[in-house]
Amino acid sequence: MQVEIIITLRESILDPKGKASHHALENLGFEDIKGVRIGKFIQLEVDTTDPQKAREVAREASEKLLANTVMENYEIRIPDNA
């Protein structure tokens, strides 16, 4: 089963990549963009057909390795086509 994990910096943490991207976009004429935050997208293929089990595996992997929970938030998604 496919599981997606979206990892983003917490709002209170400065995002230098996002800031640089926002500045570059402004220089390219994108005046309507008011801010940019950069994160990570991770896809896991979990050997189960049980969505709850897949979610739990993804949560444990995120807590132990994939996300720095002091500085980052993570969201787990199971696509509809999974």
PDB file of N, CA and C in Angstrom:
ATOM      1  N   MET A   1       0.842  -1.176   0.000  1.00  0.00           N
ATOM      2  CA  MET A   1       0.000   0.000   0.000  1.00  0.00           C
ATOM      3  C   MET A   1       0.888   1.240   0.000  1.00  0.00           C
ATOM      4  N   GLN A   2       0.535   2.184  -0.822  1.00  0.00           N
ATOM      5  CA  GLN A   2       1.301   3.419  -0.908  1.00  0.00           C
ATOM      6  C   GLN A   2       0.867   4.394   0.177  1.00  0.00           C
ATOM      7  N   VAL A   3       1.853   5.005   0.818  1.00  0.00           N
ATOM      8  CA  VAL A   3       1.608   6.015   1.849  1.00  0.00           C
ATOM      9  C   VAL A   3       2.457   7.230   1.506  1.00  0.00           C
ATOM     10  N   GLU A   4       1.880   8.413   1.659  1.00  0.00           N
ATOM     11  CA  GLU A   4       2.601   9.655   1.405  1.00  0.00           C
ATOM     12  C   GLU A   4       2.808  10.393   2.719  1.00  0.00           C
ATOM     13  N   ILE A   5       3.999  10.943   2.877  1.00  0.00           N
ATOM     14  CA  ILE A   5       4.315  11.739   4.065  1.00  0.00           C
ATOM     15  C   ILE A   5       4.783  13.106   3.595  1.00  0.00           C
ATOM     16  N   ILE A   6       4.145  14.149   4.103  1.00  0.00           N
ATOM     17  CA  ILE A   6       4.526  15.519   3.791  1.00  0.00           C
ATOM     18  C   ILE A   6       5.141  16.099   5.055  1.00  0.00           C
ATOM     19  N   ILE A   7       6.390  16.559   4.940  1.00  0.00           N
ATOM     20  CA  ILE A   7       7.110  17.105   6.088  1.00  0.00           C
ATOM     21  C   ILE A   7       7.370  18.579   5.832  1.00  0.00           C
ATOM     22  N   THR A   8       7.011  19.411   6.805  1.00  0.00           N
ATOM     23  CA  THR A   8       7.226  20.848   6.693  1.00  0.00           C
ATOM     24  C   THR A   8       7.827  21.371   7.992  1.00  0.00           C
ATOM     25  N   LEU A   9       8.568  22.472   7.874  1.00  0.00           N
ATOM     26  CA  LEU A   9       9.088  23.111   9.073  1.00  0.00           C
ATOM     27  C   LEU A   9       7.930  23.686   9.884  1.00  0.00           C
ATOM     28  N   ARG A  10       8.063  23.659  11.189  1.00  0.00           N
ATOM     29  CA  ARG A  10       7.051  24.302  12.046  1.00  0.00           C
ATOM     30  C   ARG A  10       7.013  25.791  11.719  1.00  0.00           C
ATOM     31  N   GLU A  11       5.860  26.398  11.923  1.00  0.00           N
ATOM     32  CA  GLU A  11       5.679  27.825  11.595  1.00  0.00           C
ATOM     33  C   GLU A  11       6.689  28.707  12.312  1.00  0.00           C
ATOM     34  N   SER A  12       7.106  28.326  13.518  1.00  0.00           N
ATOM     35  CA  SER A  12       8.022  29.151  14.307  1.00  0.00           C
ATOM     36  C   SER A  12       9.480  29.042  13.847  1.00  0.00           C
ATOM     37  N   ILE A  13       9.764  28.135  12.908  1.00  0.00           N
ATOM     38  CA  ILE A  13      11.131  27.909  12.434  1.00  0.00           C
ATOM     39  C   ILE A  13      11.352  28.675  11.130  1.00  0.00           C
ATOM     40  N   LEU A  14      12.434  29.439  11.078  1.00  0.00           N
ATOM     41  CA  LEU A  14      12.791  30.182   9.875  1.00  0.00           C
ATOM     42  C   LEU A  14      13.085  29.208   8.737  1.00  0.00           C
ATOM     43  N   ASP A  15      12.583  29.521   7.538  1.00  0.00           N
ATOM     44  CA  ASP A  15      12.758  28.671   6.365  1.00  0.00           C
ATOM     45  C   ASP A  15      13.602  29.416   5.326  1.00  0.00           C
ATOM     46  N   PRO A  16      14.941  29.304   5.393  1.00  0.00           N
ATOM     47  CA  PRO A  16      15.779  30.068   4.470  1.00  0.00           C
ATOM     48  C   PRO A  16      15.580  29.689   3.002  1.00  0.00           C
ATOM     49  N   LYS A  17      15.317  28.420   2.709  1.00  0.00           N
ATOM     50  CA  LYS A  17      15.060  28.018   1.313  1.00  0.00           C
ATOM     51  C   LYS A  17      13.767  28.649   0.817  1.00  0.00           C
ATOM     52  N   GLY A  18      12.754  28.656   1.660  1.00  0.00           N
ATOM     53  CA  GLY A  18      11.486  29.282   1.299  1.00  0.00           C
ATOM     54  C   GLY A  18      11.643  30.774   1.082  1.00  0.00           C
ATOM     55  N   LYS A  19      12.423  31.409   1.964  1.00  0.00           N
ATOM     56  CA  LYS A  19      12.660  32.850   1.854  1.00  0.00           C
ATOM     57  C   LYS A  19      13.384  33.174   0.549  1.00  0.00           C
ATOM     58  N   ALA A  20      14.417  32.394   0.215  1.00  0.00           N
ATOM     59  CA  ALA A  20      15.174  32.620  -1.020  1.00  0.00           C
ATOM     60  C   ALA A  20      14.292  32.388  -2.248  1.00  0.00           C
ATOM     61  N   SER A  21      13.462  31.350  -2.202  1.00  0.00           N
ATOM     62  CA  SER A  21      12.558  31.071  -3.326  1.00  0.00           C
ATOM     63  C   SER A  21      11.540  32.188  -3.488  1.00  0.00           C
ATOM     64  N   HIS A  22      11.031  32.686  -2.371  1.00  0.00           N
ATOM     65  CA  HIS A  22      10.058  33.778  -2.421  1.00  0.00           C
ATOM     66  C   HIS A  22      10.694  35.016  -3.043  1.00  0.00           C
ATOM     67  N   HIS A  23      11.909  35.324  -2.629  1.00  0.00           N
ATOM     68  CA  HIS A  23      12.617  36.483  -3.179  1.00  0.00           C
ATOM     69  C   HIS A  23      12.834  36.316  -4.692  1.00  0.00           C
ATOM     70  N   ALA A  24      13.250  35.121  -5.110  1.00  0.00           N
ATOM     71  CA  ALA A  24      13.467  34.863  -6.541  1.00  0.00           C
ATOM     72  C   ALA A  24      12.163  34.984  -7.325  1.00  0.00           C
ATOM     73  N   LEU A  25      11.086  34.478  -6.770  1.00  0.00           N
ATOM     74  CA  LEU A  25       9.783  34.583  -7.446  1.00  0.00           C
ATOM     75  C   LEU A  25       9.351  36.038  -7.587  1.00  0.00           C
ATOM     76  N   GLU A  26       9.578  36.830  -6.535  1.00  0.00           N
ATOM     77  CA  GLU A  26       9.270  38.266  -6.626  1.00  0.00           C
ATOM     78  C   GLU A  26      10.079  38.918  -7.746  1.00  0.00           C
ATOM     79  N   ASN A  27      11.364  38.545  -7.851  1.00  0.00           N
ATOM     80  CA  ASN A  27      12.217  39.103  -8.905  1.00  0.00           C
ATOM     81  C   ASN A  27      11.747  38.693 -10.300  1.00  0.00           C
ATOM     82  N   LEU A  28      11.052  37.572 -10.396  1.00  0.00           N
ATOM     83  CA  LEU A  28      10.512  37.106 -11.671  1.00  0.00           C
ATOM     84  C   LEU A  28       9.137  37.707 -11.969  1.00  0.00           C
ATOM     85  N   GLY A  29       8.656  38.543 -11.066  1.00  0.00           N
ATOM     86  CA  GLY A  29       7.395  39.233 -11.305  1.00  0.00           C
ATOM     87  C   GLY A  29       6.176  38.605 -10.649  1.00  0.00           C
ATOM     88  N   PHE A  30       6.352  37.610  -9.823  1.00  0.00           N
ATOM     89  CA  PHE A  30       5.224  36.981  -9.123  1.00  0.00           C
ATOM     90  C   PHE A  30       4.890  37.802  -7.881  1.00  0.00           C
ATOM     91  N   GLU A  31       4.166  38.885  -8.073  1.00  0.00           N
ATOM     92  CA  GLU A  31       3.867  39.815  -6.988  1.00  0.00           C
ATOM     93  C   GLU A  31       2.748  39.326  -6.078  1.00  0.00           C
ATOM     94  N   ASP A  32       1.932  38.390  -6.553  1.00  0.00           N
ATOM     95  CA  ASP A  32       0.794  37.919  -5.761  1.00  0.00           C
ATOM     96  C   ASP A  32       1.175  36.834  -4.751  1.00  0.00           C
ATOM     97  N   ILE A  33       2.391  36.307  -4.838  1.00  0.00           N
ATOM     98  CA  ILE A  33       2.825  35.282  -3.888  1.00  0.00           C
ATOM     99  C   ILE A  33       3.357  35.991  -2.646  1.00  0.00           C
ATOM    100  N   LYS A  34       2.742  35.716  -1.517  1.00  0.00           N
ATOM    101  CA  LYS A  34       3.072  36.423  -0.278  1.00  0.00           C
ATOM    102  C   LYS A  34       4.019  35.646   0.630  1.00  0.00           C
ATOM    103  N   GLY A  35       4.301  34.400   0.324  1.00  0.00           N
ATOM    104  CA  GLY A  35       5.237  33.625   1.132  1.00  0.00           C
ATOM    105  C   GLY A  35       5.444  32.247   0.539  1.00  0.00           C
ATOM    106  N   VAL A  36       6.594  31.646   0.851  1.00  0.00           N
ATOM    107  CA  VAL A  36       6.924  30.307   0.374  1.00  0.00           C
ATOM    108  C   VAL A  36       7.508  29.519   1.543  1.00  0.00           C
ATOM    109  N   ARG A  37       7.058  28.287   1.713  1.00  0.00           N
ATOM    110  CA  ARG A  37       7.636  27.361   2.685  1.00  0.00           C
ATOM    111  C   ARG A  37       8.029  26.110   1.904  1.00  0.00           C
ATOM    112  N   ILE A  38       9.228  25.607   2.130  1.00  0.00           N
ATOM    113  CA  ILE A  38       9.738  24.437   1.433  1.00  0.00           C
ATOM    114  C   ILE A  38       9.686  23.241   2.375  1.00  0.00           C
ATOM    115  N   GLY A  39       9.262  22.094   1.856  1.00  0.00           N
ATOM    116  CA  GLY A  39       9.190  20.890   2.673  1.00  0.00           C
ATOM    117  C   GLY A  39       9.689  19.679   1.911  1.00  0.00           C
ATOM    118  N   LYS A  40       9.339  18.507   2.412  1.00  0.00           N
ATOM    119  CA  LYS A  40       9.741  17.245   1.795  1.00  0.00           C
ATOM    120  C   LYS A  40       8.500  16.396   1.547  1.00  0.00           C
ATOM    121  N   PHE A  41       8.542  15.640   0.465  1.00  0.00           N
ATOM    122  CA  PHE A  41       7.480  14.706   0.118  1.00  0.00           C
ATOM    123  C   PHE A  41       8.101  13.318   0.034  1.00  0.00           C
ATOM    124  N   ILE A  42       7.580  12.380   0.791  1.00  0.00           N
ATOM    125  CA  ILE A  42       8.126  11.026   0.831  1.00  0.00           C
ATOM    126  C   ILE A  42       7.012  10.031   0.515  1.00  0.00           C
ATOM    127  N   GLN A  43       7.292   9.074  -0.362  1.00  0.00           N
ATOM    128  CA  GLN A  43       6.355   7.985  -0.647  1.00  0.00           C
ATOM    129  C   GLN A  43       6.935   6.699  -0.079  1.00  0.00           C
ATOM    130  N   LEU A  44       6.116   5.983   0.662  1.00  0.00           N
ATOM    131  CA  LEU A  44       6.492   4.672   1.174  1.00  0.00           C
ATOM    132  C   LEU A  44       5.608   3.627   0.533  1.00  0.00           C
ATOM    133  N   GLU A  45       6.174   2.480   0.243  1.00  0.00           N
ATOM    134  CA  GLU A  45       5.396   1.324  -0.190  1.00  0.00           C
ATOM    135  C   GLU A  45       5.425   0.345   0.983  1.00  0.00           C
ATOM    136  N   VAL A  46       4.279   0.199   1.640  1.00  0.00           N
ATOM    137  CA  VAL A  46       4.180  -0.622   2.845  1.00  0.00           C
ATOM    138  C   VAL A  46       3.511  -1.944   2.478  1.00  0.00           C
ATOM    139  N   ASP A  47       4.086  -3.033   2.953  1.00  0.00           N
ATOM    140  CA  ASP A  47       3.617  -4.380   2.617  1.00  0.00           C
ATOM    141  C   ASP A  47       2.417  -4.766   3.488  1.00  0.00           C
ATOM    142  N   THR A  48       1.279  -4.143   3.192  1.00  0.00           N
ATOM    143  CA  THR A  48       0.029  -4.448   3.886  1.00  0.00           C
ATOM    144  C   THR A  48      -1.133  -3.950   3.038  1.00  0.00           C
ATOM    145  N   THR A  49      -2.320  -4.497   3.290  1.00  0.00           N
ATOM    146  CA  THR A  49      -3.532  -3.988   2.650  1.00  0.00           C
ATOM    147  C   THR A  49      -4.399  -3.240   3.657  1.00  0.00           C
ATOM    148  N   ASP A  50      -3.956  -3.193   4.892  1.00  0.00           N
ATOM    149  CA  ASP A  50      -4.696  -2.539   5.981  1.00  0.00           C
ATOM    150  C   ASP A  50      -4.253  -1.073   6.103  1.00  0.00           C
ATOM    151  N   PRO A  51      -5.146  -0.125   5.811  1.00  0.00           N
ATOM    152  CA  PRO A  51      -4.772   1.294   5.872  1.00  0.00           C
ATOM    153  C   PRO A  51      -4.295   1.726   7.265  1.00  0.00           C
ATOM    154  N   GLN A  52      -4.888   1.184   8.316  1.00  0.00           N
ATOM    155  CA  GLN A  52      -4.472   1.542   9.675  1.00  0.00           C
ATOM    156  C   GLN A  52      -3.044   1.077   9.950  1.00  0.00           C
ATOM    157  N   LYS A  53      -2.724  -0.118   9.518  1.00  0.00           N
ATOM    158  CA  LYS A  53      -1.367  -0.653   9.686  1.00  0.00           C
ATOM    159  C   LYS A  53      -0.369   0.187   8.888  1.00  0.00           C
ATOM    160  N   ALA A  54      -0.717   0.536   7.654  1.00  0.00           N
ATOM    161  CA  ALA A  54       0.155   1.363   6.814  1.00  0.00           C
ATOM    162  C   ALA A  54       0.389   2.725   7.456  1.00  0.00           C
ATOM    163  N   ARG A  55      -0.673   3.316   7.988  1.00  0.00           N
ATOM    164  CA  ARG A  55      -0.570   4.617   8.654  1.00  0.00           C
ATOM    165  C   ARG A  55       0.341   4.524   9.880  1.00  0.00           C
ATOM    166  N   GLU A  56       0.211   3.443  10.643  1.00  0.00           N
ATOM    167  CA  GLU A  56       1.023   3.264  11.843  1.00  0.00           C
ATOM    168  C   GLU A  56       2.503   3.083  11.489  1.00  0.00           C
ATOM    169  N   VAL A  57       2.785   2.314  10.444  1.00  0.00           N
ATOM    170  CA  VAL A  57       4.167   2.140   9.986  1.00  0.00           C
ATOM    171  C   VAL A  57       4.750   3.492   9.564  1.00  0.00           C
ATOM    172  N   ALA A  58       3.980   4.274   8.827  1.00  0.00           N
ATOM    173  CA  ALA A  58       4.433   5.587   8.374  1.00  0.00           C
ATOM    174  C   ALA A  58       4.649   6.537   9.552  1.00  0.00           C
ATOM    175  N   ARG A  59       3.762   6.479  10.538  1.00  0.00           N
ATOM    176  CA  ARG A  59       3.910   7.326  11.725  1.00  0.00           C
ATOM    177  C   ARG A  59       5.196   6.973  12.467  1.00  0.00           C
ATOM    178  N   GLU A  60       5.432   5.680  12.660  1.00  0.00           N
ATOM    179  CA  GLU A  60       6.626   5.243  13.380  1.00  0.00           C
ATOM    180  C   GLU A  60       7.905   5.616  12.612  1.00  0.00           C
ATOM    181  N   ALA A  61       7.891   5.437  11.298  1.00  0.00           N
ATOM    182  CA  ALA A  61       9.046   5.805  10.478  1.00  0.00           C
ATOM    183  C   ALA A  61       9.299   7.314  10.541  1.00  0.00           C
ATOM    184  N   SER A  62       8.234   8.091  10.535  1.00  0.00           N
ATOM    185  CA  SER A  62       8.362   9.548  10.618  1.00  0.00           C
ATOM    186  C   SER A  62       8.940   9.966  11.959  1.00  0.00           C
ATOM    187  N   GLU A  63       8.423   9.388  13.033  1.00  0.00           N
ATOM    188  CA  GLU A  63       8.879   9.734  14.384  1.00  0.00           C
ATOM    189  C   GLU A  63      10.331   9.333  14.617  1.00  0.00           C
ATOM    190  N   LYS A  64      10.727   8.171  14.098  1.00  0.00           N
ATOM    191  CA  LYS A  64      12.063   7.644  14.382  1.00  0.00           C
ATOM    192  C   LYS A  64      13.150   8.150  13.440  1.00  0.00           C
ATOM    193  N   LEU A  65      12.789   8.481  12.189  1.00  0.00           N
ATOM    194  CA  LEU A  65      13.827   8.829  11.223  1.00  0.00           C
ATOM    195  C   LEU A  65      13.482   9.964  10.268  1.00  0.00           C
ATOM    196  N   LEU A  66      12.335   9.908   9.643  1.00  0.00           N
ATOM    197  CA  LEU A  66      12.062  10.776   8.500  1.00  0.00           C
ATOM    198  C   LEU A  66      11.858  12.241   8.864  1.00  0.00           C
ATOM    199  N   ALA A  67      11.285  12.523  10.016  1.00  0.00           N
ATOM    200  CA  ALA A  67      11.023  13.903  10.424  1.00  0.00           C
ATOM    201  C   ALA A  67      11.783  14.227  11.703  1.00  0.00           C
ATOM    202  N   ASN A  68      12.301  15.427  11.760  1.00  0.00           N
ATOM    203  CA  ASN A  68      12.879  15.941  12.997  1.00  0.00           C
ATOM    204  C   ASN A  68      11.734  16.612  13.749  1.00  0.00           C
ATOM    205  N   THR A  69      11.112  15.890  14.661  1.00  0.00           N
ATOM    206  CA  THR A  69       9.870  16.365  15.281  1.00  0.00           C
ATOM    207  C   THR A  69      10.060  17.575  16.193  1.00  0.00           C
ATOM    208  N   VAL A  70      11.306  17.945  16.473  1.00  0.00           N
ATOM    209  CA  VAL A  70      11.554  19.173  17.227  1.00  0.00           C
ATOM    210  C   VAL A  70      11.308  20.383  16.332  1.00  0.00           C
ATOM    211  N   MET A  71      11.660  20.248  15.045  1.00  0.00           N
ATOM    212  CA  MET A  71      11.576  21.379  14.114  1.00  0.00           C
ATOM    213  C   MET A  71      10.527  21.204  13.022  1.00  0.00           C
ATOM    214  N   GLU A  72      10.043  19.986  12.825  1.00  0.00           N
ATOM    215  CA  GLU A  72       9.183  19.712  11.681  1.00  0.00           C
ATOM    216  C   GLU A  72       7.857  19.077  12.092  1.00  0.00           C
ATOM    217  N   ASN A  73       6.847  19.365  11.295  1.00  0.00           N
ATOM    218  CA  ASN A  73       5.554  18.688  11.375  1.00  0.00           C
ATOM    219  C   ASN A  73       5.484  17.704  10.219  1.00  0.00           C
ATOM    220  N   TYR A  74       4.680  16.675  10.376  1.00  0.00           N
ATOM    221  CA  TYR A  74       4.471  15.756   9.264  1.00  0.00           C
ATOM    222  C   TYR A  74       3.000  15.390   9.173  1.00  0.00           C
ATOM    223  N   GLU A  75       2.601  15.094   7.952  1.00  0.00           N
ATOM    224  CA  GLU A  75       1.223  14.683   7.664  1.00  0.00           C
ATOM    225  C   GLU A  75       1.286  13.401   6.858  1.00  0.00           C
ATOM    226  N   ILE A  76       0.473  12.432   7.252  1.00  0.00           N
ATOM    227  CA  ILE A  76       0.439  11.145   6.557  1.00  0.00           C
ATOM    228  C   ILE A  76      -0.834  11.089   5.734  1.00  0.00           C
ATOM    229  N   ARG A  77      -0.679  10.712   4.472  1.00  0.00           N
ATOM    230  CA  ARG A  77      -1.831  10.556   3.566  1.00  0.00           C
ATOM    231  C   ARG A  77      -1.785   9.189   2.917  1.00  0.00           C
ATOM    232  N   ILE A  78      -2.945   8.601   2.765  1.00  0.00           N
ATOM    233  CA  ILE A  78      -3.074   7.372   1.987  1.00  0.00           C
ATOM    234  C   ILE A  78      -3.931   7.744   0.777  1.00  0.00           C
ATOM    235  N   PRO A  79      -3.328   7.735  -0.417  1.00  0.00           N
ATOM    236  CA  PRO A  79      -4.076   8.133  -1.614  1.00  0.00           C
ATOM    237  C   PRO A  79      -5.310   7.254  -1.829  1.00  0.00           C
ATOM    238  N   ASP A  80      -6.317   7.828  -2.462  1.00  0.00           N
ATOM    239  CA  ASP A  80      -7.560   7.093  -2.740  1.00  0.00           C
ATOM    240  C   ASP A  80      -7.331   5.866  -3.593  1.00  0.00           C
ATOM    241  N   ASN A  81      -6.341   5.928  -4.477  1.00  0.00           N
ATOM    242  CA  ASN A  81      -6.086   4.805  -5.372  1.00  0.00           C
ATOM    243  C   ASN A  81      -5.177   3.739  -4.756  1.00  0.00           C
ATOM    244  N   ALA A  82      -4.840   3.901  -3.464  1.00  0.00           N
ATOM    245  CA  ALA A  82      -3.939   2.959  -2.791  1.00  0.00           C
ATOM    246  C   ALA A  82      -4.668   1.670  -2.438  1.00  0.00           C
TER     247      ALA A  82
END
